[in-house]
Amino acid sequence: MNDTHAIEPQQRLELARRAFREFRTQCFWSYRADLEIHEQDISFIVRELRRNGGHKGYRIVAELCR
């Protein structure tokens, strides 16, 4: 079964990169600001958004996990 609500891999990666920049001081303060986010880093982005991203972070996680 094909989920028509799933986002494309490139869109998912872009969303993760935007989230890293947007939540930098709230969730990713201990990481370099110029850290390159790749597909394999998305689970790390999701984990940190769940821990420290608040409601807005959870909404982004929902997008990333579709």
N, C-alpha and C. Protein backbone atom coordinates (compact mmCIF):
# COMPACT_ATOMS: atom_id res chain seq x y z
N MET A 1 0.85 -1.18 0.00
CA MET A 1 0.00 0.00 0.00
C MET A 1 0.89 1.24 0.00
N ASN A 2 0.56 2.19 -0.84
CA ASN A 2 1.34 3.41 -1.00
C ASN A 2 0.72 4.53 -0.18
N ASP A 3 1.48 5.16 0.68
CA ASP A 3 0.99 6.27 1.49
C ASP A 3 1.11 7.55 0.68
N THR A 4 -0.02 8.13 0.29
CA THR A 4 0.00 9.33 -0.54
C THR A 4 0.42 10.57 0.25
N HIS A 5 0.49 10.46 1.56
CA HIS A 5 0.87 11.60 2.39
C HIS A 5 2.36 11.64 2.70
N ALA A 6 3.10 10.64 2.29
CA ALA A 6 4.54 10.61 2.57
C ALA A 6 5.25 11.69 1.75
N ILE A 7 6.26 12.29 2.35
CA ILE A 7 7.01 13.30 1.62
C ILE A 7 8.19 12.63 0.92
N GLU A 8 8.64 13.26 -0.13
CA GLU A 8 9.77 12.75 -0.91
C GLU A 8 11.05 12.82 -0.06
N PRO A 9 11.98 11.91 -0.32
CA PRO A 9 13.23 11.90 0.47
C PRO A 9 13.97 13.24 0.47
N GLN A 10 14.01 13.92 -0.66
CA GLN A 10 14.72 15.21 -0.71
C GLN A 10 13.99 16.27 0.10
N GLN A 11 12.66 16.24 0.09
CA GLN A 11 11.87 17.18 0.89
C GLN A 11 12.08 16.90 2.38
N ARG A 12 12.14 15.64 2.71
CA ARG A 12 12.36 15.23 4.11
C ARG A 12 13.72 15.72 4.59
N LEU A 13 14.73 15.57 3.76
CA LEU A 13 16.07 16.02 4.11
C LEU A 13 16.10 17.54 4.27
N GLU A 14 15.45 18.26 3.38
CA GLU A 14 15.40 19.72 3.49
C GLU A 14 14.69 20.15 4.77
N LEU A 15 13.61 19.46 5.11
CA LEU A 15 12.88 19.76 6.35
C LEU A 15 13.78 19.54 7.56
N ALA A 16 14.54 18.45 7.57
CA ALA A 16 15.46 18.17 8.67
C ALA A 16 16.54 19.25 8.76
N ARG A 17 17.03 19.69 7.63
CA ARG A 17 18.05 20.75 7.63
C ARG A 17 17.48 22.07 8.14
N ARG A 18 16.27 22.40 7.72
CA ARG A 18 15.63 23.63 8.22
C ARG A 18 15.39 23.55 9.72
N ALA A 19 14.94 22.38 10.18
CA ALA A 19 14.69 22.19 11.61
C ALA A 19 15.99 22.35 12.40
N PHE A 20 17.07 21.81 11.88
CA PHE A 20 18.35 21.96 12.57
C PHE A 20 18.70 23.43 12.71
N ARG A 21 18.53 24.20 11.67
CA ARG A 21 18.84 25.64 11.73
C ARG A 21 17.88 26.38 12.66
N GLU A 22 16.59 26.08 12.54
CA GLU A 22 15.58 26.79 13.32
C GLU A 22 15.67 26.49 14.81
N PHE A 23 15.97 25.24 15.16
CA PHE A 23 16.01 24.82 16.55
C PHE A 23 17.44 24.72 17.08
N ARG A 24 18.37 25.34 16.41
CA ARG A 24 19.79 25.25 16.74
C ARG A 24 20.06 25.55 18.21
N THR A 25 19.57 26.66 18.72
CA THR A 25 19.88 27.04 20.10
C THR A 25 19.04 26.27 21.11
N GLN A 26 17.91 25.77 20.70
CA GLN A 26 17.01 25.07 21.62
C GLN A 26 17.35 23.58 21.73
N CYS A 27 17.70 22.94 20.62
CA CYS A 27 17.89 21.48 20.60
C CYS A 27 19.31 21.05 20.23
N PHE A 28 20.00 21.84 19.45
CA PHE A 28 21.28 21.39 18.88
C PHE A 28 22.43 22.31 19.25
N TRP A 29 22.32 22.95 20.40
CA TRP A 29 23.31 23.93 20.82
C TRP A 29 24.71 23.37 20.96
N SER A 30 24.84 22.07 21.21
CA SER A 30 26.18 21.50 21.43
C SER A 30 26.83 21.02 20.12
N TYR A 31 26.17 21.25 19.00
CA TYR A 31 26.70 20.83 17.70
C TYR A 31 27.13 22.06 16.92
N ARG A 32 28.09 21.87 16.04
CA ARG A 32 28.57 22.96 15.19
C ARG A 32 27.40 23.54 14.39
N ALA A 33 27.38 24.85 14.25
CA ALA A 33 26.31 25.51 13.50
C ALA A 33 26.36 25.13 12.02
N ASP A 34 27.55 24.79 11.52
CA ASP A 34 27.69 24.45 10.10
C ASP A 34 27.65 22.94 9.85
N LEU A 35 27.14 22.18 10.81
CA LEU A 35 27.04 20.73 10.65
C LEU A 35 26.20 20.39 9.42
N GLU A 36 26.72 19.54 8.57
CA GLU A 36 25.97 19.10 7.40
C GLU A 36 25.04 17.97 7.79
N ILE A 37 23.77 18.13 7.49
CA ILE A 37 22.77 17.13 7.81
C ILE A 37 22.54 16.26 6.58
N HIS A 38 22.66 14.95 6.77
CA HIS A 38 22.46 13.97 5.69
C HIS A 38 21.30 13.05 6.08
N GLU A 39 20.89 12.22 5.16
CA GLU A 39 19.77 11.30 5.38
C GLU A 39 19.94 10.49 6.66
N GLN A 40 21.14 10.01 6.92
CA GLN A 40 21.37 9.18 8.10
C GLN A 40 21.27 9.98 9.41
N ASP A 41 21.23 11.30 9.33
CA ASP A 41 21.12 12.15 10.52
C ASP A 41 19.68 12.46 10.92
N ILE A 42 18.73 12.09 10.09
CA ILE A 42 17.34 12.46 10.35
C ILE A 42 16.84 11.86 11.67
N SER A 43 17.23 10.64 11.99
CA SER A 43 16.78 10.04 13.26
C SER A 43 17.31 10.85 14.46
N PHE A 44 18.52 11.37 14.34
CA PHE A 44 19.09 12.23 15.38
C PHE A 44 18.29 13.54 15.50
N ILE A 45 17.92 14.13 14.37
CA ILE A 45 17.12 15.35 14.37
C ILE A 45 15.78 15.08 15.04
N VAL A 46 15.14 13.98 14.68
CA VAL A 46 13.85 13.60 15.26
C VAL A 46 13.98 13.42 16.77
N ARG A 47 14.99 12.70 17.20
CA ARG A 47 15.19 12.44 18.64
C ARG A 47 15.33 13.74 19.43
N GLU A 48 16.15 14.64 18.93
CA GLU A 48 16.38 15.89 19.66
C GLU A 48 15.17 16.81 19.62
N LEU A 49 14.44 16.82 18.52
CA LEU A 49 13.21 17.62 18.46
C LEU A 49 12.18 17.09 19.44
N ARG A 50 12.10 15.77 19.57
CA ARG A 50 11.16 15.19 20.53
C ARG A 50 11.54 15.57 21.96
N ARG A 51 12.82 15.59 22.24
CA ARG A 51 13.28 15.89 23.60
C ARG A 51 13.11 17.36 23.96
N ASN A 52 13.46 18.25 23.04
CA ASN A 52 13.57 19.67 23.40
C ASN A 52 12.88 20.64 22.46
N GLY A 53 12.13 20.15 21.51
CA GLY A 53 11.54 21.03 20.49
C GLY A 53 10.17 21.58 20.81
N GLY A 54 9.59 21.13 21.93
CA GLY A 54 8.27 21.63 22.28
C GLY A 54 7.21 21.21 21.26
N HIS A 55 6.09 21.90 21.29
CA HIS A 55 4.97 21.56 20.41
C HIS A 55 5.36 21.72 18.94
N LYS A 56 6.03 22.81 18.61
CA LYS A 56 6.43 23.05 17.22
C LYS A 56 7.40 21.96 16.74
N GLY A 57 8.30 21.55 17.60
CA GLY A 57 9.22 20.47 17.26
C GLY A 57 8.50 19.17 16.98
N TYR A 58 7.48 18.87 17.80
CA TYR A 58 6.68 17.65 17.59
C TYR A 58 5.95 17.69 16.26
N ARG A 59 5.49 18.87 15.87
CA ARG A 59 4.81 18.99 14.58
C ARG A 59 5.76 18.70 13.43
N ILE A 60 6.99 19.15 13.55
CA ILE A 60 7.99 18.88 12.52
C ILE A 60 8.34 17.40 12.50
N VAL A 61 8.46 16.79 13.67
CA VAL A 61 8.71 15.35 13.78
C VAL A 61 7.62 14.57 13.05
N ALA A 62 6.37 15.00 13.23
CA ALA A 62 5.26 14.31 12.55
C ALA A 62 5.45 14.36 11.04
N GLU A 63 5.95 15.47 10.53
CA GLU A 63 6.21 15.58 9.09
C GLU A 63 7.36 14.67 8.68
N LEU A 64 8.43 14.69 9.49
CA LEU A 64 9.61 13.89 9.16
C LEU A 64 9.33 12.38 9.20
N CYS A 65 8.39 11.98 10.01
CA CYS A 65 8.12 10.56 10.20
C CYS A 65 6.98 10.04 9.33
N ARG A 66 6.47 10.85 8.44
CA ARG A 66 5.38 10.39 7.56
C ARG A 66 5.91 9.45 6.52
